[in-house]
Amino acid sequence: MMLDRRKFVQRLLVDRGDLLVVPGLGSATYDVAAAGDHPLNFYLWGAMGGTAMIALGLALARPDRRVVAIPGDGDMLMGLGSLATIGVKQPKNLVVVVLDNARYGETGMQPSHTDAGVDFERMALASRFRQARTVTRIEEATEVRKLLHAGEGPILINSKIKPEDVPRVLPLRDGHAIKQRFIAALNAA
């Protein structure tokens, strides 16, 4: 069984409160934007492999806030070293939710390494994450939401999603404006 990516992300972000969300480039950003644009979404354009590290920086700078990184599997594969760094730093307020469709969606849906058995859950546990799990059913979104808002991190959720190309929902694409909007919203809270 596999998750519908849009429905899963929508369920994670409903009534999100002041959650800081860092979606990876491409489909992860489109999914977060489809769930509802928000000034506390820090959209990345062209930062392949950097999503988890940017979220780590936020989590360390603002330990009073909950932070979620939402990379795709290609993004996470490119930034595998970030799992070790997160494990060493042990941010209690960070959750990484990988949208794993076992494909490189932005370049033509070629199979990624997770299609060949690479396992993010086991990598996260080997990197000293407090919790890691793989989810495949939409009903599990309720438990994942609880972890986003109150679980002691670092936590990794490997979400096995259907390998489908869904329509793009484009949020703001101006990097400076995204940063300024995010900072203003962060300082207002």
N, C-alpha and C. Protein backbone atom coordinates (compact mmCIF):
# COMPACT_ATOMS: atom_id res chain seq x y z
N MET A 1 0.85 -1.18 0.00
CA MET A 1 0.00 0.00 0.00
C MET A 1 0.89 1.24 0.00
N MET A 2 0.46 2.27 -0.71
CA MET A 2 1.23 3.51 -0.77
C MET A 2 0.30 4.71 -0.57
N LEU A 3 0.90 5.80 -0.12
CA LEU A 3 0.15 7.01 0.20
C LEU A 3 -0.09 7.88 -1.03
N ASP A 4 -1.21 8.59 -1.02
CA ASP A 4 -1.45 9.68 -1.97
C ASP A 4 -0.73 10.89 -1.39
N ARG A 5 0.27 11.39 -2.11
CA ARG A 5 1.15 12.43 -1.57
C ARG A 5 0.41 13.69 -1.15
N ARG A 6 -0.52 14.16 -1.98
CA ARG A 6 -1.22 15.40 -1.66
C ARG A 6 -2.12 15.25 -0.45
N LYS A 7 -2.82 14.14 -0.39
CA LYS A 7 -3.71 13.90 0.74
C LYS A 7 -2.90 13.76 2.03
N PHE A 8 -1.77 13.08 1.96
CA PHE A 8 -0.93 12.88 3.14
C PHE A 8 -0.37 14.22 3.65
N VAL A 9 0.20 15.01 2.76
CA VAL A 9 0.76 16.30 3.18
C VAL A 9 -0.34 17.22 3.70
N GLN A 10 -1.49 17.20 3.06
CA GLN A 10 -2.63 18.00 3.53
C GLN A 10 -3.00 17.62 4.96
N ARG A 11 -3.06 16.33 5.24
CA ARG A 11 -3.41 15.88 6.59
C ARG A 11 -2.35 16.27 7.62
N LEU A 12 -1.10 16.26 7.21
CA LEU A 12 -0.03 16.64 8.14
C LEU A 12 -0.10 18.11 8.50
N LEU A 13 -0.50 18.95 7.55
CA LEU A 13 -0.42 20.40 7.75
C LEU A 13 -1.74 21.06 8.09
N VAL A 14 -2.81 20.31 8.21
CA VAL A 14 -4.09 20.90 8.61
C VAL A 14 -3.95 21.42 10.04
N ASP A 15 -4.48 22.58 10.33
CA ASP A 15 -4.36 23.18 11.68
C ASP A 15 -2.93 23.13 12.18
N ARG A 16 -2.01 23.58 11.37
CA ARG A 16 -0.58 23.47 11.64
C ARG A 16 -0.07 24.40 12.73
N GLY A 17 -0.85 25.40 13.07
CA GLY A 17 -0.40 26.33 14.10
C GLY A 17 0.84 27.08 13.64
N ASP A 18 1.87 27.15 14.52
CA ASP A 18 3.07 27.92 14.19
C ASP A 18 4.24 27.02 13.77
N LEU A 19 3.93 25.86 13.22
CA LEU A 19 4.94 24.92 12.74
C LEU A 19 5.77 25.57 11.63
N LEU A 20 7.09 25.46 11.72
CA LEU A 20 7.99 25.96 10.68
C LEU A 20 8.20 24.82 9.69
N VAL A 21 7.88 25.05 8.41
CA VAL A 21 7.91 24.00 7.40
C VAL A 21 8.92 24.33 6.32
N VAL A 22 9.85 23.41 6.08
CA VAL A 22 10.86 23.56 5.03
C VAL A 22 10.66 22.44 4.01
N PRO A 23 9.92 22.73 2.93
CA PRO A 23 9.73 21.71 1.90
C PRO A 23 10.91 21.70 0.93
N GLY A 24 11.25 20.52 0.45
CA GLY A 24 12.30 20.41 -0.56
C GLY A 24 11.84 20.93 -1.89
N LEU A 25 12.77 21.00 -2.84
CA LEU A 25 12.42 21.54 -4.14
C LEU A 25 11.47 20.61 -4.88
N GLY A 26 10.82 21.14 -5.89
CA GLY A 26 9.95 20.34 -6.74
C GLY A 26 8.68 19.91 -6.07
N SER A 27 8.38 18.62 -6.21
CA SER A 27 7.08 18.09 -5.79
C SER A 27 6.77 18.33 -4.32
N ALA A 28 7.77 18.27 -3.45
CA ALA A 28 7.52 18.52 -2.03
C ALA A 28 7.00 19.95 -1.83
N THR A 29 7.58 20.90 -2.53
CA THR A 29 7.11 22.28 -2.45
C THR A 29 5.70 22.40 -3.01
N TYR A 30 5.43 21.75 -4.13
CA TYR A 30 4.09 21.80 -4.73
C TYR A 30 3.06 21.21 -3.78
N ASP A 31 3.43 20.12 -3.09
CA ASP A 31 2.50 19.48 -2.14
C ASP A 31 2.21 20.38 -0.95
N VAL A 32 3.25 21.02 -0.41
CA VAL A 32 3.06 21.92 0.73
C VAL A 32 2.23 23.13 0.30
N ALA A 33 2.51 23.68 -0.87
CA ALA A 33 1.73 24.82 -1.36
C ALA A 33 0.28 24.42 -1.61
N ALA A 34 0.05 23.21 -2.10
CA ALA A 34 -1.33 22.73 -2.33
C ALA A 34 -2.08 22.58 -1.01
N ALA A 35 -1.34 22.30 0.07
CA ALA A 35 -1.98 22.19 1.39
C ALA A 35 -2.34 23.56 1.95
N GLY A 36 -1.83 24.61 1.33
CA GLY A 36 -2.14 25.98 1.77
C GLY A 36 -0.89 26.78 1.98
N ASP A 37 -0.73 27.84 1.21
CA ASP A 37 0.42 28.71 1.38
C ASP A 37 0.39 29.31 2.79
N HIS A 38 1.56 29.49 3.36
CA HIS A 38 1.66 30.01 4.72
C HIS A 38 2.98 30.77 4.83
N PRO A 39 3.00 31.88 5.55
CA PRO A 39 4.25 32.63 5.68
C PRO A 39 5.35 31.88 6.43
N LEU A 40 5.02 30.82 7.16
CA LEU A 40 6.03 30.02 7.85
C LEU A 40 6.46 28.80 7.03
N ASN A 41 6.14 28.81 5.73
CA ASN A 41 6.71 27.83 4.79
C ASN A 41 7.95 28.47 4.20
N PHE A 42 9.08 27.80 4.33
CA PHE A 42 10.33 28.31 3.76
C PHE A 42 10.63 27.49 2.52
N TYR A 43 10.06 27.94 1.40
CA TYR A 43 10.20 27.21 0.13
C TYR A 43 11.64 27.30 -0.38
N LEU A 44 12.14 26.17 -0.85
CA LEU A 44 13.49 26.12 -1.42
C LEU A 44 13.38 25.91 -2.93
N TRP A 45 14.08 26.70 -3.66
CA TRP A 45 14.12 26.57 -5.12
C TRP A 45 15.57 26.31 -5.50
N GLY A 46 15.86 25.09 -5.92
CA GLY A 46 17.20 24.78 -6.38
C GLY A 46 18.17 24.42 -5.27
N ALA A 47 17.71 23.96 -4.14
CA ALA A 47 18.58 23.61 -3.02
C ALA A 47 18.61 22.10 -2.81
N MET A 48 18.74 21.35 -3.89
CA MET A 48 18.73 19.89 -3.84
C MET A 48 19.74 19.37 -2.82
N GLY A 49 19.25 18.57 -1.88
CA GLY A 49 20.10 17.98 -0.86
C GLY A 49 20.23 18.82 0.40
N GLY A 50 19.70 20.04 0.39
CA GLY A 50 19.88 20.94 1.52
C GLY A 50 18.70 21.07 2.46
N THR A 51 17.58 20.45 2.15
CA THR A 51 16.36 20.66 2.93
C THR A 51 16.54 20.31 4.41
N ALA A 52 17.06 19.13 4.70
CA ALA A 52 17.20 18.71 6.10
C ALA A 52 18.19 19.60 6.85
N MET A 53 19.25 20.04 6.18
CA MET A 53 20.24 20.89 6.86
C MET A 53 19.70 22.29 7.14
N ILE A 54 18.91 22.83 6.22
CA ILE A 54 18.30 24.14 6.46
C ILE A 54 17.33 24.03 7.64
N ALA A 55 16.55 22.95 7.66
CA ALA A 55 15.63 22.73 8.77
C ALA A 55 16.40 22.54 10.08
N LEU A 56 17.54 21.85 10.04
CA LEU A 56 18.37 21.70 11.23
C LEU A 56 18.84 23.06 11.74
N GLY A 57 19.28 23.91 10.83
CA GLY A 57 19.70 25.25 11.24
C GLY A 57 18.59 26.01 11.94
N LEU A 58 17.38 25.93 11.40
CA LEU A 58 16.23 26.58 12.05
C LEU A 58 15.96 25.97 13.42
N ALA A 59 15.99 24.64 13.49
CA ALA A 59 15.71 23.96 14.76
C ALA A 59 16.73 24.34 15.83
N LEU A 60 17.99 24.46 15.45
CA LEU A 60 19.02 24.84 16.42
C LEU A 60 18.91 26.32 16.81
N ALA A 61 18.58 27.17 15.83
CA ALA A 61 18.46 28.60 16.11
C ALA A 61 17.22 28.93 16.93
N ARG A 62 16.18 28.12 16.75
CA ARG A 62 14.91 28.38 17.44
C ARG A 62 14.42 27.12 18.14
N PRO A 63 15.08 26.71 19.23
CA PRO A 63 14.67 25.49 19.93
C PRO A 63 13.29 25.60 20.55
N ASP A 64 12.74 26.81 20.58
CA ASP A 64 11.40 27.03 21.12
C ASP A 64 10.31 26.75 20.08
N ARG A 65 10.68 26.45 18.85
CA ARG A 65 9.72 26.23 17.76
C ARG A 65 9.85 24.82 17.21
N ARG A 66 8.74 24.28 16.70
CA ARG A 66 8.74 22.97 16.06
C ARG A 66 9.07 23.17 14.58
N VAL A 67 9.97 22.34 14.06
CA VAL A 67 10.42 22.45 12.67
C VAL A 67 10.23 21.12 11.97
N VAL A 68 9.69 21.17 10.75
CA VAL A 68 9.57 19.96 9.94
C VAL A 68 10.20 20.21 8.58
N ALA A 69 11.07 19.28 8.19
CA ALA A 69 11.64 19.26 6.84
C ALA A 69 10.82 18.26 6.04
N ILE A 70 10.51 18.61 4.78
CA ILE A 70 9.75 17.69 3.92
C ILE A 70 10.49 17.55 2.59
N PRO A 71 11.56 16.75 2.58
CA PRO A 71 12.27 16.50 1.32
C PRO A 71 11.65 15.31 0.58
N GLY A 72 11.92 15.26 -0.72
CA GLY A 72 11.63 14.04 -1.47
C GLY A 72 12.79 13.07 -1.29
N ASP A 73 12.64 11.86 -1.81
CA ASP A 73 13.70 10.88 -1.64
C ASP A 73 14.97 11.27 -2.40
N GLY A 74 14.85 11.90 -3.57
CA GLY A 74 16.03 12.34 -4.29
C GLY A 74 16.80 13.39 -3.53
N ASP A 75 16.09 14.34 -2.95
CA ASP A 75 16.68 15.39 -2.12
C ASP A 75 17.39 14.76 -0.91
N MET A 76 16.73 13.82 -0.25
CA MET A 76 17.31 13.19 0.93
C MET A 76 18.53 12.35 0.55
N LEU A 77 18.46 11.66 -0.59
CA LEU A 77 19.61 10.87 -1.04
C LEU A 77 20.82 11.77 -1.30
N MET A 78 20.59 12.94 -1.88
CA MET A 78 21.70 13.86 -2.16
C MET A 78 22.28 14.42 -0.87
N GLY A 79 21.47 14.52 0.19
CA GLY A 79 21.94 15.08 1.46
C GLY A 79 22.05 14.05 2.56
N LEU A 80 22.47 12.83 2.24
CA LEU A 80 22.53 11.77 3.26
C LEU A 80 23.38 12.13 4.47
N GLY A 81 24.43 12.90 4.27
CA GLY A 81 25.28 13.28 5.40
C GLY A 81 24.52 14.09 6.45
N SER A 82 23.44 14.72 6.03
CA SER A 82 22.66 15.50 6.99
C SER A 82 22.06 14.62 8.08
N LEU A 83 21.76 13.37 7.77
CA LEU A 83 21.21 12.46 8.79
C LEU A 83 22.22 12.29 9.93
N ALA A 84 23.50 12.12 9.60
CA ALA A 84 24.53 11.96 10.63
C ALA A 84 24.68 13.25 11.44
N THR A 85 24.66 14.39 10.76
CA THR A 85 24.80 15.67 11.47
C THR A 85 23.62 15.91 12.40
N ILE A 86 22.42 15.63 11.93
CA ILE A 86 21.22 15.77 12.77
C ILE A 86 21.32 14.83 13.96
N GLY A 87 21.76 13.60 13.72
CA GLY A 87 21.91 12.64 14.81
C GLY A 87 22.90 13.09 15.87
N VAL A 88 23.97 13.72 15.46
CA VAL A 88 24.97 14.22 16.41
C VAL A 88 24.42 15.42 17.18
N LYS A 89 23.73 16.32 16.50
CA LYS A 89 23.21 17.54 17.13
C LYS A 89 21.98 17.29 18.01
N GLN A 90 21.21 16.25 17.73
CA GLN A 90 20.05 15.85 18.54
C GLN A 90 19.02 16.97 18.79
N PRO A 91 18.55 17.65 17.76
CA PRO A 91 17.52 18.67 17.98
C PRO A 91 16.20 18.02 18.38
N LYS A 92 15.70 18.37 19.53
CA LYS A 92 14.46 17.78 20.04
C LYS A 92 13.23 18.25 19.27
N ASN A 93 13.35 19.35 18.54
CA ASN A 93 12.21 19.98 17.88
C ASN A 93 12.17 19.76 16.37
N LEU A 94 12.92 18.79 15.86
CA LEU A 94 13.01 18.58 14.41
C LEU A 94 12.44 17.22 13.99
N VAL A 95 11.60 17.28 12.96
CA VAL A 95 11.07 16.07 12.33
C VAL A 95 11.35 16.17 10.83
N VAL A 96 11.88 15.10 10.25
CA VAL A 96 12.12 15.03 8.81
C VAL A 96 11.11 14.04 8.25
N VAL A 97 10.24 14.52 7.35
CA VAL A 97 9.24 13.66 6.70
C VAL A 97 9.64 13.52 5.23
N VAL A 98 10.21 12.37 4.88
CA VAL A 98 10.64 12.13 3.51
C VAL A 98 9.44 11.65 2.69
N LEU A 99 9.21 12.30 1.55
CA LEU A 99 8.18 11.87 0.61
C LEU A 99 8.88 10.95 -0.40
N ASP A 100 8.81 9.66 -0.12
CA ASP A 100 9.59 8.66 -0.86
C ASP A 100 8.72 7.95 -1.90
N ASN A 101 8.82 8.40 -3.14
CA ASN A 101 8.10 7.72 -4.23
C ASN A 101 9.03 6.83 -5.03
N ALA A 102 10.27 6.68 -4.57
CA ALA A 102 11.27 5.84 -5.22
C ALA A 102 11.55 6.29 -6.66
N ARG A 103 11.39 7.59 -6.89
CA ARG A 103 11.60 8.16 -8.22
C ARG A 103 12.26 9.53 -8.12
N TYR A 104 12.97 9.90 -9.16
CA TYR A 104 13.48 11.25 -9.33
C TYR A 104 12.44 12.00 -10.17
N GLY A 105 11.47 12.60 -9.48
CA GLY A 105 10.32 13.18 -10.15
C GLY A 105 10.62 14.38 -11.02
N GLU A 106 11.61 15.17 -10.65
CA GLU A 106 11.88 16.41 -11.40
C GLU A 106 12.63 16.17 -12.69
N THR A 107 13.17 14.97 -12.86
CA THR A 107 13.97 14.72 -14.06
C THR A 107 13.41 13.61 -14.94
N GLY A 108 12.17 13.19 -14.68
CA GLY A 108 11.55 12.21 -15.57
C GLY A 108 11.08 10.92 -14.95
N MET A 109 11.02 10.86 -13.61
CA MET A 109 10.51 9.68 -12.89
C MET A 109 11.40 8.44 -13.01
N GLN A 110 12.72 8.66 -13.14
CA GLN A 110 13.63 7.52 -13.12
C GLN A 110 13.65 6.92 -11.71
N PRO A 111 13.85 5.60 -11.60
CA PRO A 111 13.92 4.98 -10.26
C PRO A 111 15.07 5.57 -9.43
N SER A 112 14.79 5.84 -8.16
CA SER A 112 15.84 6.31 -7.25
C SER A 112 16.42 5.10 -6.52
N HIS A 113 17.38 5.35 -5.67
CA HIS A 113 18.03 4.26 -4.94
C HIS A 113 17.07 3.57 -3.96
N THR A 114 16.04 4.27 -3.52
CA THR A 114 15.10 3.62 -2.61
C THR A 114 14.31 2.54 -3.35
N ASP A 115 14.19 2.67 -4.65
CA ASP A 115 13.56 1.63 -5.46
C ASP A 115 14.39 0.35 -5.42
N ALA A 116 15.70 0.51 -5.18
CA ALA A 116 16.62 -0.64 -5.11
C ALA A 116 16.85 -1.10 -3.67
N GLY A 117 16.09 -0.54 -2.70
CA GLY A 117 16.16 -1.03 -1.34
C GLY A 117 16.87 -0.15 -0.32
N VAL A 118 17.39 1.00 -0.71
CA VAL A 118 17.99 1.91 0.27
C VAL A 118 16.90 2.32 1.26
N ASP A 119 17.21 2.26 2.54
CA ASP A 119 16.20 2.39 3.60
C ASP A 119 16.51 3.57 4.52
N PHE A 120 15.74 4.66 4.36
CA PHE A 120 15.95 5.86 5.18
C PHE A 120 15.69 5.61 6.66
N GLU A 121 14.72 4.79 6.98
CA GLU A 121 14.42 4.51 8.39
C GLU A 121 15.64 3.92 9.09
N ARG A 122 16.24 2.93 8.49
CA ARG A 122 17.41 2.29 9.09
C ARG A 122 18.61 3.23 9.14
N MET A 123 18.76 4.06 8.10
CA MET A 123 19.85 5.03 8.10
C MET A 123 19.69 6.04 9.24
N ALA A 124 18.46 6.50 9.45
CA ALA A 124 18.21 7.47 10.52
C ALA A 124 18.50 6.85 11.88
N LEU A 125 18.05 5.62 12.09
CA LEU A 125 18.32 4.96 13.36
C LEU A 125 19.81 4.75 13.57
N ALA A 126 20.54 4.41 12.51
CA ALA A 126 21.99 4.25 12.61
C ALA A 126 22.68 5.59 12.87
N SER A 127 21.99 6.68 12.52
CA SER A 127 22.53 8.03 12.73
C SER A 127 22.09 8.63 14.07
N ARG A 128 21.49 7.81 14.94
CA ARG A 128 21.11 8.20 16.30
C ARG A 128 19.86 9.06 16.39
N PHE A 129 18.96 8.98 15.38
CA PHE A 129 17.66 9.63 15.53
C PHE A 129 16.94 8.94 16.68
N ARG A 130 16.15 9.69 17.44
CA ARG A 130 15.40 9.11 18.56
C ARG A 130 14.32 8.16 18.06
N GLN A 131 13.71 8.53 16.95
CA GLN A 131 12.66 7.70 16.36
C GLN A 131 12.79 7.74 14.85
N ALA A 132 12.42 6.64 14.22
CA ALA A 132 12.31 6.59 12.76
C ALA A 132 11.29 5.51 12.44
N ARG A 133 10.47 5.80 11.46
CA ARG A 133 9.48 4.81 11.03
C ARG A 133 9.10 5.05 9.59
N THR A 134 8.55 4.01 9.00
CA THR A 134 8.05 4.08 7.64
C THR A 134 6.54 3.99 7.70
N VAL A 135 5.86 4.88 6.96
CA VAL A 135 4.40 4.86 6.91
C VAL A 135 3.94 4.62 5.48
N THR A 136 2.83 3.88 5.37
CA THR A 136 2.29 3.54 4.05
C THR A 136 0.78 3.74 3.95
N ARG A 137 0.13 4.00 5.09
CA ARG A 137 -1.34 4.13 5.10
C ARG A 137 -1.74 5.53 5.56
N ILE A 138 -2.75 6.10 4.93
CA ILE A 138 -3.19 7.45 5.24
C ILE A 138 -3.64 7.58 6.70
N GLU A 139 -4.12 6.51 7.28
CA GLU A 139 -4.54 6.54 8.69
C GLU A 139 -3.37 6.85 9.63
N GLU A 140 -2.16 6.59 9.19
CA GLU A 140 -0.98 6.85 10.01
C GLU A 140 -0.66 8.35 10.10
N ALA A 141 -1.30 9.16 9.25
CA ALA A 141 -1.05 10.60 9.27
C ALA A 141 -1.39 11.22 10.62
N THR A 142 -2.39 10.70 11.30
CA THR A 142 -2.78 11.23 12.61
C THR A 142 -1.63 11.10 13.60
N GLU A 143 -0.99 9.96 13.65
CA GLU A 143 0.14 9.74 14.55
C GLU A 143 1.33 10.60 14.13
N VAL A 144 1.58 10.70 12.83
CA VAL A 144 2.68 11.53 12.35
C VAL A 144 2.46 12.99 12.75
N ARG A 145 1.22 13.48 12.63
CA ARG A 145 0.90 14.86 13.05
C ARG A 145 1.26 15.09 14.52
N LYS A 146 0.95 14.11 15.35
CA LYS A 146 1.29 14.23 16.78
C LYS A 146 2.80 14.36 16.96
N LEU A 147 3.55 13.60 16.19
CA LEU A 147 5.01 13.68 16.28
C LEU A 147 5.52 15.04 15.80
N LEU A 148 4.91 15.59 14.75
CA LEU A 148 5.31 16.91 14.25
C LEU A 148 5.16 17.98 15.33
N HIS A 149 4.09 17.88 16.10
CA HIS A 149 3.77 18.92 17.07
C HIS A 149 4.31 18.66 18.48
N ALA A 150 4.62 17.40 18.81
CA ALA A 150 5.01 17.14 20.19
C ALA A 150 6.03 16.02 20.37
N GLY A 151 6.44 15.34 19.31
CA GLY A 151 7.39 14.25 19.46
C GLY A 151 8.79 14.75 19.78
N GLU A 152 9.53 13.99 20.58
CA GLU A 152 10.90 14.38 20.90
C GLU A 152 11.83 13.91 19.80
N GLY A 153 12.45 14.86 19.14
CA GLY A 153 13.30 14.58 18.00
C GLY A 153 14.74 14.35 18.41
N PRO A 154 15.53 14.07 17.39
CA PRO A 154 15.14 14.07 15.99
C PRO A 154 14.34 12.83 15.61
N ILE A 155 13.41 13.06 14.70
CA ILE A 155 12.51 12.01 14.22
C ILE A 155 12.57 12.00 12.69
N LEU A 156 12.59 10.82 12.10
CA LEU A 156 12.46 10.69 10.65
C LEU A 156 11.25 9.82 10.34
N ILE A 157 10.42 10.32 9.43
CA ILE A 157 9.28 9.57 8.92
C ILE A 157 9.53 9.33 7.45
N ASN A 158 9.64 8.07 7.05
CA ASN A 158 9.78 7.75 5.63
C ASN A 158 8.39 7.41 5.10
N SER A 159 7.84 8.30 4.30
CA SER A 159 6.47 8.15 3.78
C SER A 159 6.54 7.54 2.40
N LYS A 160 6.05 6.34 2.27
CA LYS A 160 6.04 5.65 0.97
C LYS A 160 4.84 6.13 0.17
N ILE A 161 5.10 6.93 -0.84
CA ILE A 161 4.03 7.53 -1.62
C ILE A 161 3.98 6.95 -3.04
N LYS A 162 2.81 7.05 -3.64
CA LYS A 162 2.63 6.56 -5.01
C LYS A 162 3.53 7.34 -5.96
N PRO A 163 4.18 6.64 -6.90
CA PRO A 163 5.02 7.33 -7.88
C PRO A 163 4.15 7.91 -9.01
N GLU A 164 3.59 9.08 -8.73
CA GLU A 164 2.74 9.72 -9.73
C GLU A 164 3.16 11.16 -9.92
N ASP A 165 2.91 11.66 -11.10
CA ASP A 165 3.23 13.05 -11.40
C ASP A 165 1.95 13.85 -11.22
N VAL A 166 1.90 14.66 -10.17
CA VAL A 166 0.69 15.43 -9.87
C VAL A 166 0.86 16.86 -10.36
N PRO A 167 -0.24 17.56 -10.60
CA PRO A 167 -0.14 18.94 -11.09
C PRO A 167 0.64 19.83 -10.12
N ARG A 168 1.36 20.76 -10.69
CA ARG A 168 2.15 21.68 -9.87
C ARG A 168 1.26 22.78 -9.30
N VAL A 169 1.51 23.08 -8.03
CA VAL A 169 0.91 24.23 -7.37
C VAL A 169 2.09 25.10 -6.97
N LEU A 170 2.27 26.18 -7.70
CA LEU A 170 3.46 27.01 -7.50
C LEU A 170 3.22 28.11 -6.48
N PRO A 171 3.99 28.10 -5.40
CA PRO A 171 3.93 29.21 -4.44
C PRO A 171 4.87 30.33 -4.93
N LEU A 172 5.05 31.29 -4.09
CA LEU A 172 5.99 32.38 -4.33
C LEU A 172 7.35 31.80 -4.73
N ARG A 173 7.97 32.38 -5.76
CA ARG A 173 9.25 31.86 -6.25
C ARG A 173 10.41 32.83 -6.07
N ASP A 174 10.17 33.97 -5.49
CA ASP A 174 11.20 34.98 -5.27
C ASP A 174 11.89 34.68 -3.95
N GLY A 175 13.14 34.21 -4.01
CA GLY A 175 13.86 33.79 -2.82
C GLY A 175 13.97 34.87 -1.75
N HIS A 176 14.25 36.08 -2.16
CA HIS A 176 14.36 37.18 -1.19
C HIS A 176 13.02 37.44 -0.51
N ALA A 177 11.95 37.46 -1.30
CA ALA A 177 10.62 37.70 -0.73
C ALA A 177 10.21 36.56 0.21
N ILE A 178 10.54 35.31 -0.16
CA ILE A 178 10.24 34.16 0.71
C ILE A 178 10.95 34.34 2.04
N LYS A 179 12.22 34.69 1.98
CA LYS A 179 13.01 34.87 3.21
C LYS A 179 12.45 35.99 4.07
N GLN A 180 12.15 37.12 3.47
CA GLN A 180 11.64 38.27 4.22
C GLN A 180 10.29 37.96 4.85
N ARG A 181 9.41 37.31 4.10
CA ARG A 181 8.09 36.94 4.61
C ARG A 181 8.23 35.97 5.78
N PHE A 182 9.12 34.98 5.64
CA PHE A 182 9.35 33.99 6.68
C PHE A 182 9.88 34.65 7.95
N ILE A 183 10.88 35.52 7.81
CA ILE A 183 11.46 36.20 8.97
C ILE A 183 10.41 37.05 9.67
N ALA A 184 9.61 37.78 8.90
CA ALA A 184 8.57 38.63 9.49
C ALA A 184 7.55 37.78 10.27
N ALA A 185 7.14 36.65 9.69
CA ALA A 185 6.17 35.78 10.36
C ALA A 185 6.79 35.15 11.61
N LEU A 186 8.05 34.77 11.52
CA LEU A 186 8.74 34.16 12.65
C LEU A 186 8.89 35.17 13.80
N ASN A 187 9.22 36.38 13.47
CA ASN A 187 9.39 37.41 14.50
C ASN A 187 8.07 37.89 15.08
N ALA A 188 6.98 37.76 14.33
CA ALA A 188 5.66 38.20 14.80
C ALA A 188 5.07 37.26 15.84
N ALA A 189 5.48 36.01 15.79
CA ALA A 189 4.89 35.01 16.69
C ALA A 189 5.43 35.12 18.10
